């Protein structure tokens, strides 16, 4: 059986150079890094907003349950 020195499945089927390694133009890579950074910043902001909404909703829901339970167990 033939042995090979491939490091991954992708290397076994695609023996060409990696696209990132080929494009060594620093201006081009800086532009993509900036866009990636902006995208990650937007993602972080959306995730933060979602977590705040989830936390606030859970707080309101638990307060509602507590109020309903206390009303149901009060005896006059």
PDB file of N, CA and C in Angstrom:
ATOM      1  N   UNK A   1       0.852  -1.182   0.000  1.00  0.00           N
ATOM      2  CA  UNK A   1       0.000   0.000   0.000  1.00  0.00           C
ATOM      3  C   UNK A   1       0.889   1.233   0.000  1.00  0.00           C
ATOM      4  N   UNK A   2       0.493   2.233  -0.746  1.00  0.00           N
ATOM      5  CA  UNK A   2       1.273   3.459  -0.884  1.00  0.00           C
ATOM      6  C   UNK A   2       1.042   4.375   0.319  1.00  0.00           C
ATOM      7  N   UNK A   3       2.102   4.915   0.857  1.00  0.00           N
ATOM      8  CA  UNK A   3       1.970   5.861   1.972  1.00  0.00           C
ATOM      9  C   UNK A   3       2.081   7.268   1.426  1.00  0.00           C
ATOM     10  N   UNK A   4       1.378   8.186   2.072  1.00  0.00           N
ATOM     11  CA  UNK A   4       1.451   9.584   1.641  1.00  0.00           C
ATOM     12  C   UNK A   4       1.708  10.471   2.842  1.00  0.00           C
ATOM     13  N   UNK A   5       2.074  11.689   2.584  1.00  0.00           N
ATOM     14  CA  UNK A   5       2.406  12.638   3.642  1.00  0.00           C
ATOM     15  C   UNK A   5       1.369  13.750   3.755  1.00  0.00           C
ATOM     16  N   UNK A   6       0.139  13.461   3.413  1.00  0.00           N
ATOM     17  CA  UNK A   6      -0.910  14.463   3.511  1.00  0.00           C
ATOM     18  C   UNK A   6      -1.228  14.727   4.976  1.00  0.00           C
ATOM     19  N   UNK A   7      -1.489  15.985   5.304  1.00  0.00           N
ATOM     20  CA  UNK A   7      -1.803  16.326   6.683  1.00  0.00           C
ATOM     21  C   UNK A   7      -3.291  16.286   6.972  1.00  0.00           C
ATOM     22  N   UNK A   8      -4.110  16.418   5.944  1.00  0.00           N
ATOM     23  CA  UNK A   8      -5.552  16.390   6.175  1.00  0.00           C
ATOM     24  C   UNK A   8      -6.254  15.808   4.956  1.00  0.00           C
ATOM     25  N   UNK A   9      -7.539  15.570   5.117  1.00  0.00           N
ATOM     26  CA  UNK A   9      -8.348  15.049   4.021  1.00  0.00           C
ATOM     27  C   UNK A   9      -8.366  16.034   2.853  1.00  0.00           C
ATOM     28  N   UNK A  10      -8.465  17.348   3.167  1.00  0.00           N
ATOM     29  CA  UNK A  10      -8.502  18.367   2.123  1.00  0.00           C
ATOM     30  C   UNK A  10      -7.207  18.377   1.324  1.00  0.00           C
ATOM     31  N   UNK A  11      -6.063  18.186   1.989  1.00  0.00           N
ATOM     32  CA  UNK A  11      -4.790  18.160   1.288  1.00  0.00           C
ATOM     33  C   UNK A  11      -4.694  16.960   0.356  1.00  0.00           C
ATOM     34  N   UNK A  12      -5.331  15.879   0.728  1.00  0.00           N
ATOM     35  CA  UNK A  12      -5.296  14.687  -0.095  1.00  0.00           C
ATOM     36  C   UNK A  12      -6.015  14.930  -1.421  1.00  0.00           C
ATOM     37  N   UNK A  13      -7.109  15.677  -1.410  1.00  0.00           N
ATOM     38  CA  UNK A  13      -7.903  15.875  -2.607  1.00  0.00           C
ATOM     39  C   UNK A  13      -7.611  17.176  -3.322  1.00  0.00           C
ATOM     40  N   UNK A  14      -6.982  18.123  -2.656  1.00  0.00           N
ATOM     41  CA  UNK A  14      -6.647  19.406  -3.272  1.00  0.00           C
ATOM     42  C   UNK A  14      -5.180  19.692  -2.997  1.00  0.00           C
ATOM     43  N   UNK A  15      -4.338  19.338  -3.951  1.00  0.00           N
ATOM     44  CA  UNK A  15      -2.904  19.507  -3.721  1.00  0.00           C
ATOM     45  C   UNK A  15      -2.386  20.856  -4.222  1.00  0.00           C
ATOM     46  N   UNK A  16      -3.279  21.761  -4.613  1.00  0.00           N
ATOM     47  CA  UNK A  16      -2.875  23.094  -5.054  1.00  0.00           C
ATOM     48  C   UNK A  16      -2.540  23.979  -3.873  1.00  0.00           C
ATOM     49  N   UNK A  17      -1.971  25.141  -4.146  1.00  0.00           N
ATOM     50  CA  UNK A  17      -1.622  26.057  -3.047  1.00  0.00           C
ATOM     51  C   UNK A  17      -2.869  26.647  -2.391  1.00  0.00           C
ATOM     52  N   UNK A  18      -2.753  26.988  -1.127  1.00  0.00           N
ATOM     53  CA  UNK A  18      -3.860  27.603  -0.415  1.00  0.00           C
ATOM     54  C   UNK A  18      -4.100  29.012  -0.950  1.00  0.00           C
ATOM     55  N   UNK A  19      -5.345  29.434  -1.114  1.00  0.00           N
ATOM     56  CA  UNK A  19      -5.634  30.760  -1.652  1.00  0.00           C
ATOM     57  C   UNK A  19      -5.045  31.882  -0.800  1.00  0.00           C
ATOM     58  N   UNK A  20      -5.011  31.708   0.499  1.00  0.00           N
ATOM     59  CA  UNK A  20      -4.481  32.757   1.363  1.00  0.00           C
ATOM     60  C   UNK A  20      -2.977  32.891   1.169  1.00  0.00           C
ATOM     61  N   UNK A  21      -2.294  31.779   1.003  1.00  0.00           N
ATOM     62  CA  UNK A  21      -0.847  31.807   0.833  1.00  0.00           C
ATOM     63  C   UNK A  21      -0.461  32.425  -0.512  1.00  0.00           C
ATOM     64  N   UNK A  22      -1.301  32.261  -1.529  1.00  0.00           N
ATOM     65  CA  UNK A  22      -1.002  32.797  -2.851  1.00  0.00           C
ATOM     66  C   UNK A  22      -1.128  34.309  -2.852  1.00  0.00           C
ATOM     67  N   UNK A  23      -2.172  34.845  -2.256  1.00  0.00           N
ATOM     68  CA  UNK A  23      -2.402  36.289  -2.237  1.00  0.00           C
ATOM     69  C   UNK A  23      -1.580  36.962  -1.158  1.00  0.00           C
ATOM     70  N   UNK A  24      -0.341  37.261  -1.432  1.00  0.00           N
ATOM     71  CA  UNK A  24       0.524  37.845  -0.408  1.00  0.00           C
ATOM     72  C   UNK A  24       0.501  39.369  -0.444  1.00  0.00           C
ATOM     73  N   UNK A  25      -0.402  39.946  -1.186  1.00  0.00           N
ATOM     74  CA  UNK A  25      -0.518  41.399  -1.269  1.00  0.00           C
ATOM     75  C   UNK A  25      -1.020  41.919   0.074  1.00  0.00           C
ATOM     76  N   UNK A  26      -0.203  42.705   0.756  1.00  0.00           N
ATOM     77  CA  UNK A  26      -0.550  43.145   2.109  1.00  0.00           C
ATOM     78  C   UNK A  26      -1.741  44.094   2.116  1.00  0.00           C
ATOM     79  N   UNK A  27      -1.883  44.944   1.089  1.00  0.00           N
ATOM     80  CA  UNK A  27      -3.029  45.860   1.047  1.00  0.00           C
ATOM     81  C   UNK A  27      -4.333  45.080   0.925  1.00  0.00           C
ATOM     82  N   UNK A  28      -4.297  44.043   0.106  1.00  0.00           N
ATOM     83  CA  UNK A  28      -5.486  43.234  -0.091  1.00  0.00           C
ATOM     84  C   UNK A  28      -5.851  42.508   1.202  1.00  0.00           C
ATOM     85  N   UNK A  29      -4.857  41.919   1.861  1.00  0.00           N
ATOM     86  CA  UNK A  29      -5.139  41.185   3.087  1.00  0.00           C
ATOM     87  C   UNK A  29      -5.555  42.133   4.207  1.00  0.00           C
ATOM     88  N   UNK A  30      -4.994  43.337   4.247  1.00  0.00           N
ATOM     89  CA  UNK A  30      -5.403  44.312   5.255  1.00  0.00           C
ATOM     90  C   UNK A  30      -6.865  44.707   5.076  1.00  0.00           C
ATOM     91  N   UNK A  31      -7.287  44.841   3.821  1.00  0.00           N
ATOM     92  CA  UNK A  31      -8.679  45.195   3.527  1.00  0.00           C
ATOM     93  C   UNK A  31      -9.631  44.104   4.038  1.00  0.00           C
ATOM     94  N   UNK A  32      -9.264  42.844   3.797  1.00  0.00           N
ATOM     95  CA  UNK A  32     -10.110  41.739   4.242  1.00  0.00           C
ATOM     96  C   UNK A  32     -10.098  41.612   5.759  1.00  0.00           C
ATOM     97  N   UNK A  33      -8.949  41.853   6.370  1.00  0.00           N
ATOM     98  CA  UNK A  33      -8.867  41.811   7.832  1.00  0.00           C
ATOM     99  C   UNK A  33      -9.751  42.892   8.440  1.00  0.00           C
ATOM    100  N   UNK A  34      -9.763  44.071   7.816  1.00  0.00           N
ATOM    101  CA  UNK A  34     -10.604  45.159   8.318  1.00  0.00           C
ATOM    102  C   UNK A  34     -12.076  44.788   8.192  1.00  0.00           C
ATOM    103  N   UNK A  35     -12.470  44.247   7.046  1.00  0.00           N
ATOM    104  CA  UNK A  35     -13.873  43.841   6.863  1.00  0.00           C
ATOM    105  C   UNK A  35     -14.258  42.743   7.836  1.00  0.00           C
ATOM    106  N   UNK A  36     -13.343  41.798   8.061  1.00  0.00           N
ATOM    107  CA  UNK A  36     -13.611  40.723   9.003  1.00  0.00           C
ATOM    108  C   UNK A  36     -13.776  41.282  10.407  1.00  0.00           C
ATOM    109  N   UNK A  37     -12.917  42.218  10.772  1.00  0.00           N
ATOM    110  CA  UNK A  37     -13.017  42.849  12.089  1.00  0.00           C
ATOM    111  C   UNK A  37     -14.329  43.589  12.263  1.00  0.00           C
ATOM    112  N   UNK A  38     -14.758  44.305  11.215  1.00  0.00           N
ATOM    113  CA  UNK A  38     -16.038  45.020  11.279  1.00  0.00           C
ATOM    114  C   UNK A  38     -17.191  44.036  11.423  1.00  0.00           C
ATOM    115  N   UNK A  39     -17.120  42.943  10.688  1.00  0.00           N
ATOM    116  CA  UNK A  39     -18.172  41.926  10.765  1.00  0.00           C
ATOM    117  C   UNK A  39     -18.238  41.301  12.138  1.00  0.00           C
ATOM    118  N   UNK A  40     -17.077  41.022  12.722  1.00  0.00           N
ATOM    119  CA  UNK A  40     -17.063  40.440  14.064  1.00  0.00           C
ATOM    120  C   UNK A  40     -17.582  41.436  15.091  1.00  0.00           C
ATOM    121  N   UNK A  41     -17.283  42.712  14.890  1.00  0.00           N
ATOM    122  CA  UNK A  41     -17.805  43.737  15.803  1.00  0.00           C
ATOM    123  C   UNK A  41     -19.322  43.795  15.754  1.00  0.00           C
ATOM    124  N   UNK A  42     -19.873  43.717  14.548  1.00  0.00           N
ATOM    125  CA  UNK A  42     -21.331  43.724  14.395  1.00  0.00           C
ATOM    126  C   UNK A  42     -21.943  42.480  15.029  1.00  0.00           C
ATOM    127  N   UNK A  43     -21.308  41.338  14.818  1.00  0.00           N
ATOM    128  CA  UNK A  43     -21.801  40.092  15.398  1.00  0.00           C
ATOM    129  C   UNK A  43     -21.790  40.167  16.915  1.00  0.00           C
ATOM    130  N   UNK A  44     -20.729  40.723  17.465  1.00  0.00           N
ATOM    131  CA  UNK A  44     -20.617  40.856  18.918  1.00  0.00           C
ATOM    132  C   UNK A  44     -21.723  41.770  19.455  1.00  0.00           C
ATOM    133  N   UNK A  45     -22.001  42.859  18.747  1.00  0.00           N
ATOM    134  CA  UNK A  45     -23.049  43.790  19.183  1.00  0.00           C
ATOM    135  C   UNK A  45     -24.419  43.119  19.148  1.00  0.00           C
ATOM    136  N   UNK A  46     -24.701  42.371  18.096  1.00  0.00           N
ATOM    137  CA  UNK A  46     -25.991  41.685  17.981  1.00  0.00           C
ATOM    138  C   UNK A  46     -26.121  40.627  19.074  1.00  0.00           C
ATOM    139  N   UNK A  47     -25.051  39.879  19.315  1.00  0.00           N
ATOM    140  CA  UNK A  47     -25.094  38.846  20.359  1.00  0.00           C
ATOM    141  C   UNK A  47     -25.291  39.479  21.733  1.00  0.00           C
ATOM    142  N   UNK A  48     -24.635  40.603  21.973  1.00  0.00           N
ATOM    143  CA  UNK A  48     -24.773  41.290  23.253  1.00  0.00           C
ATOM    144  C   UNK A  48     -26.207  41.766  23.460  1.00  0.00           C
ATOM    145  N   UNK A  49     -26.799  42.324  22.425  1.00  0.00           N
ATOM    146  CA  UNK A  49     -28.183  42.776  22.500  1.00  0.00           C
ATOM    147  C   UNK A  49     -29.124  41.596  22.753  1.00  0.00           C
ATOM    148  N   UNK A  50     -28.875  40.490  22.075  1.00  0.00           N
ATOM    149  CA  UNK A  50     -29.703  39.303  22.270  1.00  0.00           C
ATOM    150  C   UNK A  50     -29.617  38.766  23.688  1.00  0.00           C
ATOM    151  N   UNK A  51     -28.421  38.767  24.257  1.00  0.00           N
ATOM    152  CA  UNK A  51     -28.250  38.294  25.629  1.00  0.00           C
ATOM    153  C   UNK A  51     -28.966  39.215  26.606  1.00  0.00           C
ATOM    154  N   UNK A  52     -28.887  40.514  26.372  1.00  0.00           N
ATOM    155  CA  UNK A  52     -29.582  41.466  27.253  1.00  0.00           C
ATOM    156  C   UNK A  52     -31.096  41.244  27.197  1.00  0.00           C
ATOM    157  N   UNK A  53     -31.622  41.048  25.987  1.00  0.00           N
ATOM    158  CA  UNK A  53     -33.056  40.801  25.841  1.00  0.00           C
ATOM    159  C   UNK A  53     -33.462  39.496  26.522  1.00  0.00           C
ATOM    160  N   UNK A  54     -32.644  38.482  26.380  1.00  0.00           N
ATOM    161  CA  UNK A  54     -32.926  37.198  27.014  1.00  0.00           C
ATOM    162  C   UNK A  54     -32.926  37.335  28.531  1.00  0.00           C
ATOM    163  N   UNK A  55     -31.927  38.028  29.055  1.00  0.00           N
ATOM    164  CA  UNK A  55     -31.828  38.218  30.503  1.00  0.00           C
ATOM    165  C   UNK A  55     -33.025  39.013  31.028  1.00  0.00           C
ATOM    166  N   UNK A  56     -33.374  40.095  30.337  1.00  0.00           N
ATOM    167  CA  UNK A  56     -34.513  40.910  30.761  1.00  0.00           C
ATOM    168  C   UNK A  56     -35.825  40.126  30.673  1.00  0.00           C
ATOM    169  N   UNK A  57     -35.987  39.356  29.606  1.00  0.00           N
ATOM    170  CA  UNK A  57     -37.200  38.553  29.445  1.00  0.00           C
ATOM    171  C   UNK A  57     -37.318  37.488  30.518  1.00  0.00           C
ATOM    172  N   UNK A  58     -36.199  36.863  30.845  1.00  0.00           N
ATOM    173  CA  UNK A  58     -36.213  35.844  31.892  1.00  0.00           C
ATOM    174  C   UNK A  58     -36.550  36.473  33.241  1.00  0.00           C
ATOM    175  N   UNK A  59     -36.021  37.648  33.490  1.00  0.00           N
ATOM    176  CA  UNK A  59     -36.296  38.337  34.747  1.00  0.00           C
ATOM    177  C   UNK A  59     -37.779  38.682  34.876  1.00  0.00           C
ATOM    178  N   UNK A  60     -38.345  39.204  33.793  1.00  0.00           N
ATOM    179  CA  UNK A  60     -39.765  39.549  33.795  1.00  0.00           C
ATOM    180  C   UNK A  60     -40.612  38.286  33.964  1.00  0.00           C
ATOM    181  N   UNK A  61     -40.238  37.222  33.280  1.00  0.00           N
ATOM    182  CA  UNK A  61     -40.984  35.970  33.378  1.00  0.00           C
ATOM    183  C   UNK A  61     -40.948  35.388  34.778  1.00  0.00           C
ATOM    184  N   UNK A  62     -39.789  35.402  35.399  1.00  0.00           N
ATOM    185  CA  UNK A  62     -39.686  34.882  36.762  1.00  0.00           C
ATOM    186  C   UNK A  62     -40.467  35.750  37.751  1.00  0.00           C
ATOM    187  N   UNK A  63     -40.430  37.049  37.553  1.00  0.00           N
ATOM    188  CA  UNK A  63     -41.206  37.949  38.416  1.00  0.00           C
ATOM    189  C   UNK A  63     -42.707  37.662  38.272  1.00  0.00           C
ATOM    190  N   UNK A  64     -43.159  37.443  37.040  1.00  0.00           N
ATOM    191  CA  UNK A  64     -44.566  37.144  36.787  1.00  0.00           C
ATOM    192  C   UNK A  64     -44.962  35.842  37.488  1.00  0.00           C
ATOM    193  N   UNK A  65     -44.109  34.813  37.372  1.00  0.00           N
ATOM    194  CA  UNK A  65     -44.393  33.529  38.027  1.00  0.00           C
ATOM    195  C   UNK A  65     -44.441  33.705  39.544  1.00  0.00           C
ATOM    196  N   UNK A  66     -43.497  34.460  40.093  1.00  0.00           N
ATOM    197  CA  UNK A  66     -43.460  34.693  41.534  1.00  0.00           C
ATOM    198  C   UNK A  66     -44.732  35.402  41.998  1.00  0.00           C
ATOM    199  N   UNK A  67     -45.181  36.395  41.244  1.00  0.00           N
ATOM    200  CA  UNK A  67     -46.396  37.132  41.588  1.00  0.00           C
ATOM    201  C   UNK A  67     -47.614  36.215  41.540  1.00  0.00           C
ATOM    202  N   UNK A  68     -47.732  35.412  40.474  1.00  0.00           N
ATOM    203  CA  UNK A  68     -48.863  34.489  40.350  1.00  0.00           C
ATOM    204  C   UNK A  68     -48.862  33.462  41.481  1.00  0.00           C
ATOM    205  N   UNK A  69     -47.695  32.956  41.822  1.00  0.00           N
ATOM    206  CA  UNK A  69     -47.605  31.954  42.882  1.00  0.00           C
ATOM    207  C   UNK A  69     -47.978  32.563  44.243  1.00  0.00           C
ATOM    208  N   UNK A  70     -47.488  33.771  44.484  1.00  0.00           N
ATOM    209  CA  UNK A  70     -47.802  34.392  45.782  1.00  0.00           C
ATOM    210  C   UNK A  70     -49.281  34.728  45.898  1.00  0.00           C
ATOM    211  N   UNK A  71     -49.923  35.117  44.796  1.00  0.00           N
ATOM    212  CA  UNK A  71     -51.362  35.392  44.813  1.00  0.00           C
ATOM    213  C   UNK A  71     -52.161  34.111  45.051  1.00  0.00           C
ATOM    214  N   UNK A  72     -51.677  33.020  44.478  1.00  0.00           N
ATOM    215  CA  UNK A  72     -52.402  31.752  44.602  1.00  0.00           C
ATOM    216  C   UNK A  72     -52.276  31.165  46.009  1.00  0.00           C
ATOM    217  N   UNK A  73     -51.193  31.457  46.705  1.00  0.00           N
ATOM    218  CA  UNK A  73     -50.975  30.855  48.006  1.00  0.00           C
ATOM    219  C   UNK A  73     -51.388  31.775  49.165  1.00  0.00           C
ATOM    220  N   UNK A  74     -51.768  33.021  48.858  1.00  0.00           N
ATOM    221  CA  UNK A  74     -52.224  33.937  49.929  1.00  0.00           C
ATOM    222  C   UNK A  74     -53.563  33.462  50.446  1.00  0.00           C
ATOM    223  N   UNK A  75     -53.694  33.535  51.771  1.00  0.00           N
ATOM    224  CA  UNK A  75     -54.980  33.181  52.379  1.00  0.00           C
ATOM    225  C   UNK A  75     -55.451  34.384  53.176  1.00  0.00           C
ATOM    226  N   UNK A  76     -56.636  34.743  52.951  1.00  0.00           N
ATOM    227  CA  UNK A  76     -57.215  35.910  53.652  1.00  0.00           C
ATOM    228  C   UNK A  76     -57.951  35.497  54.866  1.00  0.00           C
TER     229      UNK A  76
END
